[in-house]
């Protein structure tokens, strides 16, 4: 039960930060999303994101900041194995399934629901 509470608190805080960025600083959703991804990557690079994942579970892995964590983690792992070229390949290796799924399901949703505009 405690894990659910921490997931709710941490996920909620990440969402509140995103909302503050949009409302308080007048950032567009795209700028907010990029800011959260970069923040996740920076926290991962400083070794602070993984303890957050251990504490909050899905509260830290579901928000978009987790994508930055995944990008950096994949780049660092592959850089250790393959050198500088591994930085590029590691990014795609770790995140390609999620990006592919988003594209495929987004396309299917647009076919099924026929959006206007």
PDB file of N, CA and C in Angstrom:
ATOM      1  N   UNK A   1       0.824  -1.195   0.000  1.00  0.00           N
ATOM      2  CA  UNK A   1       0.000   0.000   0.000  1.00  0.00           C
ATOM      3  C   UNK A   1       0.869   1.260   0.000  1.00  0.00           C
ATOM      4  N   UNK A   2       1.976   1.206   0.725  1.00  0.00           N
ATOM      5  CA  UNK A   2       2.869   2.362   0.794  1.00  0.00           C
ATOM      6  C   UNK A   2       3.431   2.708  -0.584  1.00  0.00           C
ATOM      7  N   UNK A   3       3.703   1.682  -1.406  1.00  0.00           N
ATOM      8  CA  UNK A   3       4.235   1.908  -2.755  1.00  0.00           C
ATOM      9  C   UNK A   3       3.250   2.707  -3.611  1.00  0.00           C
ATOM     10  N   UNK A   4       1.962   2.410  -3.468  1.00  0.00           N
ATOM     11  CA  UNK A   4       0.940   3.142  -4.221  1.00  0.00           C
ATOM     12  C   UNK A   4       0.892   4.618  -3.816  1.00  0.00           C
ATOM     13  N   UNK A   5       1.039   4.864  -2.525  1.00  0.00           N
ATOM     14  CA  UNK A   5       0.999   6.240  -2.037  1.00  0.00           C
ATOM     15  C   UNK A   5       2.180   7.033  -2.594  1.00  0.00           C
ATOM     16  N   UNK A   6       3.395   6.439  -2.551  1.00  0.00           N
ATOM     17  CA  UNK A   6       4.562   7.128  -3.089  1.00  0.00           C
ATOM     18  C   UNK A   6       4.445   7.331  -4.600  1.00  0.00           C
ATOM     19  N   UNK A   7       3.898   6.336  -5.295  1.00  0.00           N
ATOM     20  CA  UNK A   7       3.697   6.489  -6.746  1.00  0.00           C
ATOM     21  C   UNK A   7       2.760   7.653  -7.032  1.00  0.00           C
ATOM     22  N   UNK A   8       1.689   7.755  -6.264  1.00  0.00           N
ATOM     23  CA  UNK A   8       0.725   8.839  -6.440  1.00  0.00           C
ATOM     24  C   UNK A   8       1.360  10.200  -6.140  1.00  0.00           C
ATOM     25  N   UNK A   9       2.129  10.267  -5.063  1.00  0.00           N
ATOM     26  CA  UNK A   9       2.746  11.531  -4.661  1.00  0.00           C
ATOM     27  C   UNK A   9       3.792  11.980  -5.688  1.00  0.00           C
ATOM     28  N   UNK A  10       4.705  11.085  -6.064  1.00  0.00           N
ATOM     29  CA  UNK A  10       5.779  11.455  -6.984  1.00  0.00           C
ATOM     30  C   UNK A  10       5.220  11.752  -8.378  1.00  0.00           C
ATOM     31  N   UNK A  11       4.329  10.898  -8.875  1.00  0.00           N
ATOM     32  CA  UNK A  11       3.708  11.159 -10.175  1.00  0.00           C
ATOM     33  C   UNK A  11       2.934  12.460 -10.174  1.00  0.00           C
ATOM     34  N   UNK A  12       2.242  12.738  -9.083  1.00  0.00           N
ATOM     35  CA  UNK A  12       1.495  13.986  -8.963  1.00  0.00           C
ATOM     36  C   UNK A  12       2.399  15.200  -8.936  1.00  0.00           C
ATOM     37  N   UNK A  13       3.531  15.089  -8.248  1.00  0.00           N
ATOM     38  CA  UNK A  13       4.479  16.207  -8.192  1.00  0.00           C
ATOM     39  C   UNK A  13       5.051  16.498  -9.578  1.00  0.00           C
ATOM     40  N   UNK A  14       5.375  15.439 -10.325  1.00  0.00           N
ATOM     41  CA  UNK A  14       5.887  15.633 -11.689  1.00  0.00           C
ATOM     42  C   UNK A  14       4.833  16.322 -12.553  1.00  0.00           C
ATOM     43  N   UNK A  15       3.587  15.908 -12.415  1.00  0.00           N
ATOM     44  CA  UNK A  15       2.512  16.545 -13.181  1.00  0.00           C
ATOM     45  C   UNK A  15       2.285  17.992 -12.764  1.00  0.00           C
ATOM     46  N   UNK A  16       2.380  18.269 -11.467  1.00  0.00           N
ATOM     47  CA  UNK A  16       2.222  19.650 -10.977  1.00  0.00           C
ATOM     48  C   UNK A  16       3.341  20.527 -11.526  1.00  0.00           C
ATOM     49  N   UNK A  17       4.563  20.001 -11.554  1.00  0.00           N
ATOM     50  CA  UNK A  17       5.676  20.762 -12.120  1.00  0.00           C
ATOM     51  C   UNK A  17       5.395  21.095 -13.584  1.00  0.00           C
ATOM     52  N   UNK A  18       4.900  20.110 -14.340  1.00  0.00           N
ATOM     53  CA  UNK A  18       4.552  20.356 -15.742  1.00  0.00           C
ATOM     54  C   UNK A  18       3.469  21.407 -15.886  1.00  0.00           C
ATOM     55  N   UNK A  19       2.475  21.355 -15.021  1.00  0.00           N
ATOM     56  CA  UNK A  19       1.386  22.335 -15.081  1.00  0.00           C
ATOM     57  C   UNK A  19       1.874  23.728 -14.710  1.00  0.00           C
ATOM     58  N   UNK A  20       2.768  23.814 -13.733  1.00  0.00           N
ATOM     59  CA  UNK A  20       3.341  25.108 -13.351  1.00  0.00           C
ATOM     60  C   UNK A  20       4.160  25.687 -14.508  1.00  0.00           C
ATOM     61  N   UNK A  21       4.899  24.832 -15.196  1.00  0.00           N
ATOM     62  CA  UNK A  21       5.672  25.310 -16.347  1.00  0.00           C
ATOM     63  C   UNK A  21       4.754  25.898 -17.419  1.00  0.00           C
ATOM     64  N   UNK A  22       3.614  25.243 -17.655  1.00  0.00           N
ATOM     65  CA  UNK A  22       2.698  25.731 -18.695  1.00  0.00           C
ATOM     66  C   UNK A  22       1.944  26.979 -18.250  1.00  0.00           C
ATOM     67  N   UNK A  23       1.447  26.981 -17.020  1.00  0.00           N
ATOM     68  CA  UNK A  23       0.627  28.100 -16.556  1.00  0.00           C
ATOM     69  C   UNK A  23       1.463  29.282 -16.055  1.00  0.00           C
ATOM     70  N   UNK A  24       2.476  28.999 -15.249  1.00  0.00           N
ATOM     71  CA  UNK A  24       3.258  30.063 -14.634  1.00  0.00           C
ATOM     72  C   UNK A  24       4.279  30.685 -15.569  1.00  0.00           C
ATOM     73  N   UNK A  25       4.917  29.858 -16.385  1.00  0.00           N
ATOM     74  CA  UNK A  25       5.952  30.368 -17.278  1.00  0.00           C
ATOM     75  C   UNK A  25       5.471  30.486 -18.723  1.00  0.00           C
ATOM     76  N   UNK A  26       4.221  30.160 -18.951  1.00  0.00           N
ATOM     77  CA  UNK A  26       3.607  30.268 -20.281  1.00  0.00           C
ATOM     78  C   UNK A  26       4.347  29.456 -21.341  1.00  0.00           C
ATOM     79  N   UNK A  27       4.847  28.287 -20.953  1.00  0.00           N
ATOM     80  CA  UNK A  27       5.494  27.408 -21.916  1.00  0.00           C
ATOM     81  C   UNK A  27       4.433  26.626 -22.680  1.00  0.00           C
ATOM     82  N   UNK A  28       4.710  26.324 -23.926  1.00  0.00           N
ATOM     83  CA  UNK A  28       3.800  25.499 -24.713  1.00  0.00           C
ATOM     84  C   UNK A  28       3.917  24.051 -24.218  1.00  0.00           C
ATOM     85  N   UNK A  29       2.947  23.200 -24.538  1.00  0.00           N
ATOM     86  CA  UNK A  29       3.063  21.789 -24.147  1.00  0.00           C
ATOM     87  C   UNK A  29       4.341  21.126 -24.687  1.00  0.00           C
ATOM     88  N   UNK A  30       4.750  21.511 -25.898  1.00  0.00           N
ATOM     89  CA  UNK A  30       5.977  20.935 -26.459  1.00  0.00           C
ATOM     90  C   UNK A  30       7.205  21.348 -25.652  1.00  0.00           C
ATOM     91  N   UNK A  31       7.274  22.621 -25.269  1.00  0.00           N
ATOM     92  CA  UNK A  31       8.398  23.084 -24.457  1.00  0.00           C
ATOM     93  C   UNK A  31       8.391  22.416 -23.081  1.00  0.00           C
ATOM     94  N   UNK A  32       7.214  22.262 -22.519  1.00  0.00           N
ATOM     95  CA  UNK A  32       7.093  21.602 -21.222  1.00  0.00           C
ATOM     96  C   UNK A  32       7.557  20.154 -21.305  1.00  0.00           C
ATOM     97  N   UNK A  33       7.134  19.468 -22.353  1.00  0.00           N
ATOM     98  CA  UNK A  33       7.521  18.072 -22.532  1.00  0.00           C
ATOM     99  C   UNK A  33       9.042  17.950 -22.677  1.00  0.00           C
ATOM    100  N   UNK A  34       9.640  18.808 -23.485  1.00  0.00           N
ATOM    101  CA  UNK A  34      11.100  18.781 -23.665  1.00  0.00           C
ATOM    102  C   UNK A  34      11.819  19.080 -22.357  1.00  0.00           C
ATOM    103  N   UNK A  35      11.298  20.026 -21.598  1.00  0.00           N
ATOM    104  CA  UNK A  35      11.907  20.373 -20.311  1.00  0.00           C
ATOM    105  C   UNK A  35      11.873  19.177 -19.361  1.00  0.00           C
ATOM    106  N   UNK A  36      10.758  18.470 -19.317  1.00  0.00           N
ATOM    107  CA  UNK A  36      10.652  17.306 -18.431  1.00  0.00           C
ATOM    108  C   UNK A  36      11.553  16.163 -18.891  1.00  0.00           C
ATOM    109  N   UNK A  37      11.684  15.959 -20.201  1.00  0.00           N
ATOM    110  CA  UNK A  37      12.578  14.910 -20.712  1.00  0.00           C
ATOM    111  C   UNK A  37      14.029  15.239 -20.359  1.00  0.00           C
ATOM    112  N   UNK A  38      14.433  16.480 -20.584  1.00  0.00           N
ATOM    113  CA  UNK A  38      15.801  16.890 -20.265  1.00  0.00           C
ATOM    114  C   UNK A  38      16.051  16.804 -18.758  1.00  0.00           C
ATOM    115  N   UNK A  39      15.075  17.202 -17.964  1.00  0.00           N
ATOM    116  CA  UNK A  39      15.214  17.100 -16.515  1.00  0.00           C
ATOM    117  C   UNK A  39      15.401  15.650 -16.086  1.00  0.00           C
ATOM    118  N   UNK A  40      14.633  14.747 -16.678  1.00  0.00           N
ATOM    119  CA  UNK A  40      14.790  13.325 -16.379  1.00  0.00           C
ATOM    120  C   UNK A  40      16.176  12.814 -16.747  1.00  0.00           C
ATOM    121  N   UNK A  41      16.701  13.279 -17.886  1.00  0.00           N
ATOM    122  CA  UNK A  41      18.045  12.863 -18.309  1.00  0.00           C
ATOM    123  C   UNK A  41      19.112  13.422 -17.368  1.00  0.00           C
ATOM    124  N   UNK A  42      18.964  14.682 -16.965  1.00  0.00           N
ATOM    125  CA  UNK A  42      19.937  15.291 -16.051  1.00  0.00           C
ATOM    126  C   UNK A  42      19.908  14.589 -14.695  1.00  0.00           C
ATOM    127  N   UNK A  43      18.714  14.340 -14.174  1.00  0.00           N
ATOM    128  CA  UNK A  43      18.606  13.628 -12.893  1.00  0.00           C
ATOM    129  C   UNK A  43      19.197  12.229 -12.993  1.00  0.00           C
ATOM    130  N   UNK A  44      19.002  11.588 -14.127  1.00  0.00           N
ATOM    131  CA  UNK A  44      19.584  10.263 -14.337  1.00  0.00           C
ATOM    132  C   UNK A  44      21.103  10.346 -14.371  1.00  0.00           C
ATOM    133  N   UNK A  45      21.628  11.345 -15.061  1.00  0.00           N
ATOM    134  CA  UNK A  45      23.073  11.522 -15.137  1.00  0.00           C
ATOM    135  C   UNK A  45      23.710  11.811 -13.792  1.00  0.00           C
ATOM    136  N   UNK A  46      22.969  12.479 -12.927  1.00  0.00           N
ATOM    137  CA  UNK A  46      23.472  12.773 -11.581  1.00  0.00           C
ATOM    138  C   UNK A  46      23.236  11.622 -10.607  1.00  0.00           C
ATOM    139  N   UNK A  47      22.581  10.558 -11.096  1.00  0.00           N
ATOM    140  CA  UNK A  47      22.316   9.400 -10.244  1.00  0.00           C
ATOM    141  C   UNK A  47      21.133   9.573  -9.313  1.00  0.00           C
ATOM    142  N   UNK A  48      20.260  10.529  -9.607  1.00  0.00           N
ATOM    143  CA  UNK A  48      19.134  10.806  -8.723  1.00  0.00           C
ATOM    144  C   UNK A  48      17.809  10.195  -9.199  1.00  0.00           C
ATOM    145  N   UNK A  49      17.727   9.793 -10.465  1.00  0.00           N
ATOM    146  CA  UNK A  49      16.442   9.303 -10.969  1.00  0.00           C
ATOM    147  C   UNK A  49      16.170   7.856 -10.551  1.00  0.00           C
ATOM    148  N   UNK A  50      17.200   7.034 -10.531  1.00  0.00           N
ATOM    149  CA  UNK A  50      17.000   5.626 -10.174  1.00  0.00           C
ATOM    150  C   UNK A  50      16.499   5.462  -8.741  1.00  0.00           C
ATOM    151  N   UNK A  51      17.017   6.207  -7.759  1.00  0.00           N
ATOM    152  CA  UNK A  51      16.429   6.118  -6.412  1.00  0.00           C
ATOM    153  C   UNK A  51      14.964   6.557  -6.389  1.00  0.00           C
ATOM    154  N   UNK A  52      14.626   7.525  -7.236  1.00  0.00           N
ATOM    155  CA  UNK A  52      13.238   7.959  -7.343  1.00  0.00           C
ATOM    156  C   UNK A  52      12.359   6.834  -7.878  1.00  0.00           C
ATOM    157  N   UNK A  53      12.872   6.080  -8.862  1.00  0.00           N
ATOM    158  CA  UNK A  53      12.136   4.937  -9.411  1.00  0.00           C
ATOM    159  C   UNK A  53      11.962   3.856  -8.344  1.00  0.00           C
ATOM    160  N   UNK A  54      12.999   3.615  -7.559  1.00  0.00           N
ATOM    161  CA  UNK A  54      12.890   2.617  -6.483  1.00  0.00           C
ATOM    162  C   UNK A  54      11.850   3.026  -5.446  1.00  0.00           C
ATOM    163  N   UNK A  55      11.778   4.319  -5.155  1.00  0.00           N
ATOM    164  CA  UNK A  55      10.824   4.813  -4.166  1.00  0.00           C
ATOM    165  C   UNK A  55       9.396   4.794  -4.704  1.00  0.00           C
ATOM    166  N   UNK A  56       9.199   5.300  -5.922  1.00  0.00           N
ATOM    167  CA  UNK A  56       7.842   5.551  -6.421  1.00  0.00           C
ATOM    168  C   UNK A  56       7.364   4.574  -7.489  1.00  0.00           C
ATOM    169  N   UNK A  57       8.214   3.739  -8.023  1.00  0.00           N
ATOM    170  CA  UNK A  57       7.788   2.787  -9.053  1.00  0.00           C
ATOM    171  C   UNK A  57       7.174   3.487 -10.247  1.00  0.00           C
ATOM    172  N   UNK A  58       5.913   3.162 -10.543  1.00  0.00           N
ATOM    173  CA  UNK A  58       5.227   3.715 -11.710  1.00  0.00           C
ATOM    174  C   UNK A  58       5.036   5.223 -11.605  1.00  0.00           C
ATOM    175  N   UNK A  59       5.061   5.777 -10.417  1.00  0.00           N
ATOM    176  CA  UNK A  59       4.954   7.220 -10.265  1.00  0.00           C
ATOM    177  C   UNK A  59       6.119   7.952 -10.894  1.00  0.00           C
ATOM    178  N   UNK A  60       7.251   7.258 -11.050  1.00  0.00           N
ATOM    179  CA  UNK A  60       8.424   7.859 -11.677  1.00  0.00           C
ATOM    180  C   UNK A  60       8.691   7.307 -13.069  1.00  0.00           C
ATOM    181  N   UNK A  61       8.173   6.119 -13.387  1.00  0.00           N
ATOM    182  CA  UNK A  61       8.460   5.527 -14.694  1.00  0.00           C
ATOM    183  C   UNK A  61       7.418   5.839 -15.751  1.00  0.00           C
ATOM    184  N   UNK A  62       6.231   6.245 -15.363  1.00  0.00           N
ATOM    185  CA  UNK A  62       5.178   6.539 -16.341  1.00  0.00           C
ATOM    186  C   UNK A  62       5.274   7.955 -16.911  1.00  0.00           C
ATOM    187  N   UNK A  63       5.561   8.994 -16.103  1.00  0.00           N
ATOM    188  CA  UNK A  63       5.633  10.346 -16.675  1.00  0.00           C
ATOM    189  C   UNK A  63       6.733  10.481 -17.732  1.00  0.00           C
ATOM    190  N   UNK A  64       6.658  11.530 -18.513  1.00  0.00           N
ATOM    191  CA  UNK A  64       7.574  11.747 -19.637  1.00  0.00           C
ATOM    192  C   UNK A  64       9.018  11.932 -19.185  1.00  0.00           C
ATOM    193  N   UNK A  65       9.237  12.322 -17.952  1.00  0.00           N
ATOM    194  CA  UNK A  65      10.606  12.481 -17.457  1.00  0.00           C
ATOM    195  C   UNK A  65      11.357  11.154 -17.470  1.00  0.00           C
ATOM    196  N   UNK A  66      10.634  10.065 -17.393  1.00  0.00           N
ATOM    197  CA  UNK A  66      11.242   8.739 -17.457  1.00  0.00           C
ATOM    198  C   UNK A  66      11.842   8.464 -18.828  1.00  0.00           C
ATOM    199  N   UNK A  67      11.322   9.120 -19.876  1.00  0.00           N
ATOM    200  CA  UNK A  67      11.873   8.944 -21.217  1.00  0.00           C
ATOM    201  C   UNK A  67      13.300   9.481 -21.266  1.00  0.00           C
ATOM    202  N   UNK A  68      13.549  10.611 -20.628  1.00  0.00           N
ATOM    203  CA  UNK A  68      14.907  11.151 -20.548  1.00  0.00           C
ATOM    204  C   UNK A  68      15.831  10.215 -19.794  1.00  0.00           C
ATOM    205  N   UNK A  69      15.327   9.610 -18.734  1.00  0.00           N
ATOM    206  CA  UNK A  69      16.087   8.627 -17.969  1.00  0.00           C
ATOM    207  C   UNK A  69      16.460   7.448 -18.857  1.00  0.00           C
ATOM    208  N   UNK A  70      15.512   6.954 -19.631  1.00  0.00           N
ATOM    209  CA  UNK A  70      15.767   5.819 -20.524  1.00  0.00           C
ATOM    210  C   UNK A  70      16.771   6.164 -21.609  1.00  0.00           C
ATOM    211  N   UNK A  71      16.646   7.361 -22.171  1.00  0.00           N
ATOM    212  CA  UNK A  71      17.591   7.793 -23.205  1.00  0.00           C
ATOM    213  C   UNK A  71      19.017   7.796 -22.675  1.00  0.00           C
ATOM    214  N   UNK A  72      19.210   8.396 -21.524  1.00  0.00           N
ATOM    215  CA  UNK A  72      20.550   8.497 -20.971  1.00  0.00           C
ATOM    216  C   UNK A  72      21.086   7.135 -20.547  1.00  0.00           C
ATOM    217  N   UNK A  73      20.223   6.331 -19.946  1.00  0.00           N
ATOM    218  CA  UNK A  73      20.658   5.007 -19.493  1.00  0.00           C
ATOM    219  C   UNK A  73      21.127   4.164 -20.679  1.00  0.00           C
ATOM    220  N   UNK A  74      20.353   4.173 -21.772  1.00  0.00           N
ATOM    221  CA  UNK A  74      20.732   3.424 -22.971  1.00  0.00           C
ATOM    222  C   UNK A  74      22.007   3.945 -23.595  1.00  0.00           C
ATOM    223  N   UNK A  75      22.153   5.265 -23.645  1.00  0.00           N
ATOM    224  CA  UNK A  75      23.356   5.864 -24.225  1.00  0.00           C
ATOM    225  C   UNK A  75      24.595   5.511 -23.408  1.00  0.00           C
ATOM    226  N   UNK A  76      24.487   5.568 -22.096  1.00  0.00           N
ATOM    227  CA  UNK A  76      25.638   5.276 -21.236  1.00  0.00           C
ATOM    228  C   UNK A  76      26.039   3.799 -21.300  1.00  0.00           C
ATOM    229  N   UNK A  77      25.048   2.909 -21.312  1.00  0.00           N
ATOM    230  CA  UNK A  77      25.359   1.477 -21.403  1.00  0.00           C
ATOM    231  C   UNK A  77      26.075   1.144 -22.702  1.00  0.00           C
ATOM    232  N   UNK A  78      25.545   1.646 -23.795  1.00  0.00           N
ATOM    233  CA  UNK A  78      26.123   1.358 -25.100  1.00  0.00           C
ATOM    234  C   UNK A  78      27.456   2.065 -25.287  1.00  0.00           C
ATOM    235  N   UNK A  79      27.643   3.232 -24.688  1.00  0.00           N
ATOM    236  CA  UNK A  79      28.923   3.942 -24.779  1.00  0.00           C
ATOM    237  C   UNK A  79      30.031   3.149 -24.094  1.00  0.00           C
ATOM    238  N   UNK A  80      29.694   2.474 -23.011  1.00  0.00           N
ATOM    239  CA  UNK A  80      30.686   1.646 -22.330  1.00  0.00           C
ATOM    240  C   UNK A  80      31.096   0.457 -23.194  1.00  0.00           C
ATOM    241  N   UNK A  81      30.125  -0.083 -23.951  1.00  0.00           N
ATOM    242  CA  UNK A  81      30.404  -1.249 -24.796  1.00  0.00           C
ATOM    243  C   UNK A  81      31.070  -0.872 -26.113  1.00  0.00           C
ATOM    244  N   UNK A  82      30.561   0.165 -26.776  1.00  0.00           N
ATOM    245  CA  UNK A  82      30.971   0.440 -28.154  1.00  0.00           C
ATOM    246  C   UNK A  82      31.681   1.774 -28.342  1.00  0.00           C
ATOM    247  N   UNK A  83      31.880   2.532 -27.308  1.00  0.00           N
ATOM    248  CA  UNK A  83      32.521   3.827 -27.463  1.00  0.00           C
ATOM    249  C   UNK A  83      31.534   4.904 -27.877  1.00  0.00           C
ATOM    250  N   UNK A  84      32.041   5.921 -28.547  1.00  0.00           N
ATOM    251  CA  UNK A  84      31.235   7.097 -28.867  1.00  0.00           C
ATOM    252  C   UNK A  84      30.064   6.772 -29.792  1.00  0.00           C
ATOM    253  N   UNK A  85      30.222   5.849 -30.711  1.00  0.00           N
ATOM    254  CA  UNK A  85      29.111   5.494 -31.607  1.00  0.00           C
ATOM    255  C   UNK A  85      27.989   4.807 -30.828  1.00  0.00           C
ATOM    256  N   UNK A  86      28.340   4.209 -29.715  1.00  0.00           N
ATOM    257  CA  UNK A  86      27.348   3.559 -28.867  1.00  0.00           C
ATOM    258  C   UNK A  86      26.369   4.534 -28.237  1.00  0.00           C
ATOM    259  N   UNK A  87      26.783   5.790 -28.099  1.00  0.00           N
ATOM    260  CA  UNK A  87      25.882   6.801 -27.545  1.00  0.00           C
ATOM    261  C   UNK A  87      24.644   6.921 -28.431  1.00  0.00           C
ATOM    262  N   UNK A  88      24.845   6.960 -29.734  1.00  0.00           N
ATOM    263  CA  UNK A  88      23.714   7.084 -30.668  1.00  0.00           C
ATOM    264  C   UNK A  88      22.907   5.798 -30.760  1.00  0.00           C
ATOM    265  N   UNK A  89      23.586   4.671 -30.884  1.00  0.00           N
ATOM    266  CA  UNK A  89      22.856   3.409 -31.034  1.00  0.00           C
ATOM    267  C   UNK A  89      22.134   3.019 -29.759  1.00  0.00           C
ATOM    268  N   UNK A  90      22.699   3.351 -28.607  1.00  0.00           N
ATOM    269  CA  UNK A  90      22.071   3.008 -27.332  1.00  0.00           C
ATOM    270  C   UNK A  90      20.753   3.723 -27.122  1.00  0.00           C
ATOM    271  N   UNK A  91      20.689   4.963 -27.571  1.00  0.00           N
ATOM    272  CA  UNK A  91      19.449   5.729 -27.445  1.00  0.00           C
ATOM    273  C   UNK A  91      18.323   5.039 -28.196  1.00  0.00           C
ATOM    274  N   UNK A  92      18.613   4.621 -29.416  1.00  0.00           N
ATOM    275  CA  UNK A  92      17.575   3.996 -30.237  1.00  0.00           C
ATOM    276  C   UNK A  92      17.235   2.586 -29.769  1.00  0.00           C
ATOM    277  N   UNK A  93      18.231   1.873 -29.272  1.00  0.00           N
ATOM    278  CA  UNK A  93      18.008   0.498 -28.829  1.00  0.00           C
ATOM    279  C   UNK A  93      17.027   0.434 -27.660  1.00  0.00           C
ATOM    280  N   UNK A  94      17.167   1.342 -26.722  1.00  0.00           N
ATOM    281  CA  UNK A  94      16.348   1.311 -25.512  1.00  0.00           C
ATOM    282  C   UNK A  94      14.943   1.862 -25.748  1.00  0.00           C
ATOM    283  N   UNK A  95      14.815   2.895 -26.561  1.00  0.00           N
ATOM    284  CA  UNK A  95      13.539   3.595 -26.683  1.00  0.00           C
ATOM    285  C   UNK A  95      12.753   3.284 -27.951  1.00  0.00           C
ATOM    286  N   UNK A  96      13.314   2.497 -28.848  1.00  0.00           N
ATOM    287  CA  UNK A  96      12.659   2.287 -30.144  1.00  0.00           C
ATOM    288  C   UNK A  96      11.297   1.594 -30.020  1.00  0.00           C
ATOM    289  N   UNK A  97      11.145   0.685 -29.095  1.00  0.00           N
ATOM    290  CA  UNK A  97       9.852  -0.007 -28.952  1.00  0.00           C
ATOM    291  C   UNK A  97       8.752   0.963 -28.538  1.00  0.00           C
ATOM    292  N   UNK A  98       9.047   1.844 -27.589  1.00  0.00           N
ATOM    293  CA  UNK A  98       8.052   2.816 -27.143  1.00  0.00           C
ATOM    294  C   UNK A  98       7.692   3.822 -28.216  1.00  0.00           C
ATOM    295  N   UNK A  99       8.690   4.309 -28.933  1.00  0.00           N
ATOM    296  CA  UNK A  99       8.441   5.277 -30.001  1.00  0.00           C
ATOM    297  C   UNK A  99       7.652   4.625 -31.129  1.00  0.00           C
ATOM    298  N   UNK A 100       8.030   3.405 -31.497  1.00  0.00           N
ATOM    299  CA  UNK A 100       7.312   2.684 -32.554  1.00  0.00           C
ATOM    300  C   UNK A 100       5.864   2.441 -32.168  1.00  0.00           C
ATOM    301  N   UNK A 101       5.635   2.036 -30.934  1.00  0.00           N
ATOM    302  CA  UNK A 101       4.263   1.793 -30.478  1.00  0.00           C
ATOM    303  C   UNK A 101       3.444   3.075 -30.520  1.00  0.00           C
ATOM    304  N   UNK A 102       4.022   4.198 -30.121  1.00  0.00           N
ATOM    305  CA  UNK A 102       3.301   5.473 -30.148  1.00  0.00           C
ATOM    306  C   UNK A 102       2.914   5.854 -31.573  1.00  0.00           C
ATOM    307  N   UNK A 103       3.820   5.644 -32.516  1.00  0.00           N
ATOM    308  CA  UNK A 103       3.528   5.969 -33.914  1.00  0.00           C
ATOM    309  C   UNK A 103       2.443   5.058 -34.468  1.00  0.00           C
ATOM    310  N   UNK A 104       2.572   3.765 -34.240  1.00  0.00           N
ATOM    311  CA  UNK A 104       1.613   2.796 -34.784  1.00  0.00           C
ATOM    312  C   UNK A 104       0.227   3.018 -34.190  1.00  0.00           C
ATOM    313  N   UNK A 105       0.137   3.137 -32.872  1.00  0.00           N
ATOM    314  CA  UNK A 105      -1.181   3.306 -32.253  1.00  0.00           C
ATOM    315  C   UNK A 105      -1.782   4.678 -32.547  1.00  0.00           C
ATOM    316  N   UNK A 106      -0.938   5.693 -32.689  1.00  0.00           N
ATOM    317  CA  UNK A 106      -1.433   7.006 -33.099  1.00  0.00           C
ATOM    318  C   UNK A 106      -2.026   6.962 -34.499  1.00  0.00           C
ATOM    319  N   UNK A 107      -1.353   6.245 -35.398  1.00  0.00           N
ATOM    320  CA  UNK A 107      -1.869   6.095 -36.766  1.00  0.00           C
ATOM    321  C   UNK A 107      -3.189   5.328 -36.754  1.00  0.00           C
ATOM    322  N   UNK A 108      -3.227   4.213 -36.007  1.00  0.00           N
ATOM    323  CA  UNK A 108      -4.464   3.423 -35.957  1.00  0.00           C
ATOM    324  C   UNK A 108      -5.614   4.229 -35.368  1.00  0.00           C
ATOM    325  N   UNK A 109      -5.347   5.018 -34.359  1.00  0.00           N
ATOM    326  CA  UNK A 109      -6.403   5.851 -33.762  1.00  0.00           C
ATOM    327  C   UNK A 109      -6.895   6.873 -34.769  1.00  0.00           C
ATOM    328  N   UNK A 110      -5.995   7.436 -35.569  1.00  0.00           N
ATOM    329  CA  UNK A 110      -6.422   8.428 -36.559  1.00  0.00           C
ATOM    330  C   UNK A 110      -7.249   7.789 -37.671  1.00  0.00           C
ATOM    331  N   UNK A 111      -6.956   6.541 -37.994  1.00  0.00           N
ATOM    332  CA  UNK A 111      -7.738   5.844 -39.029  1.00  0.00           C
ATOM    333  C   UNK A 111      -9.125   5.503 -38.500  1.00  0.00           C
ATOM    334  N   UNK A 112      -9.175   4.999 -37.279  1.00  0.00           N
ATOM    335  CA  UNK A 112     -10.448   4.567 -36.699  1.00  0.00           C
ATOM    336  C   UNK A 112     -11.371   5.756 -36.403  1.00  0.00           C
ATOM    337  N   UNK A 113     -10.820   6.819 -35.824  1.00  0.00           N
ATOM    338  CA  UNK A 113     -11.660   7.917 -35.357  1.00  0.00           C
ATOM    339  C   UNK A 113     -11.748   9.081 -36.338  1.00  0.00           C
ATOM    340  N   UNK A 114     -10.993   9.089 -37.399  1.00  0.00           N
ATOM    341  CA  UNK A 114     -11.031  10.114 -38.444  1.00  0.00           C
ATOM    342  C   UNK A 114     -11.103  11.528 -37.871  1.00  0.00           C
ATOM    343  N   UNK A 115      -9.991  12.017 -37.338  1.00  0.00           N
ATOM    344  CA  UNK A 115     -10.015  13.356 -36.729  1.00  0.00           C
ATOM    345  C   UNK A 115     -10.251  14.460 -37.764  1.00  0.00           C
ATOM    346  N   UNK A 116     -10.826  15.516 -37.319  1.00  0.00           N
ATOM    347  CA  UNK A 116     -11.074  16.666 -38.197  1.00  0.00           C
ATOM    348  C   UNK A 116      -9.934  17.652 -38.023  1.00  0.00           C
ATOM    349  N   UNK A 117      -9.603  18.351 -39.085  1.00  0.00           N
ATOM    350  CA  UNK A 117      -8.596  19.393 -38.951  1.00  0.00           C
ATOM    351  C   UNK A 117      -7.409  19.134 -39.659  1.00  0.00           C
TER     352      UNK A 117
END
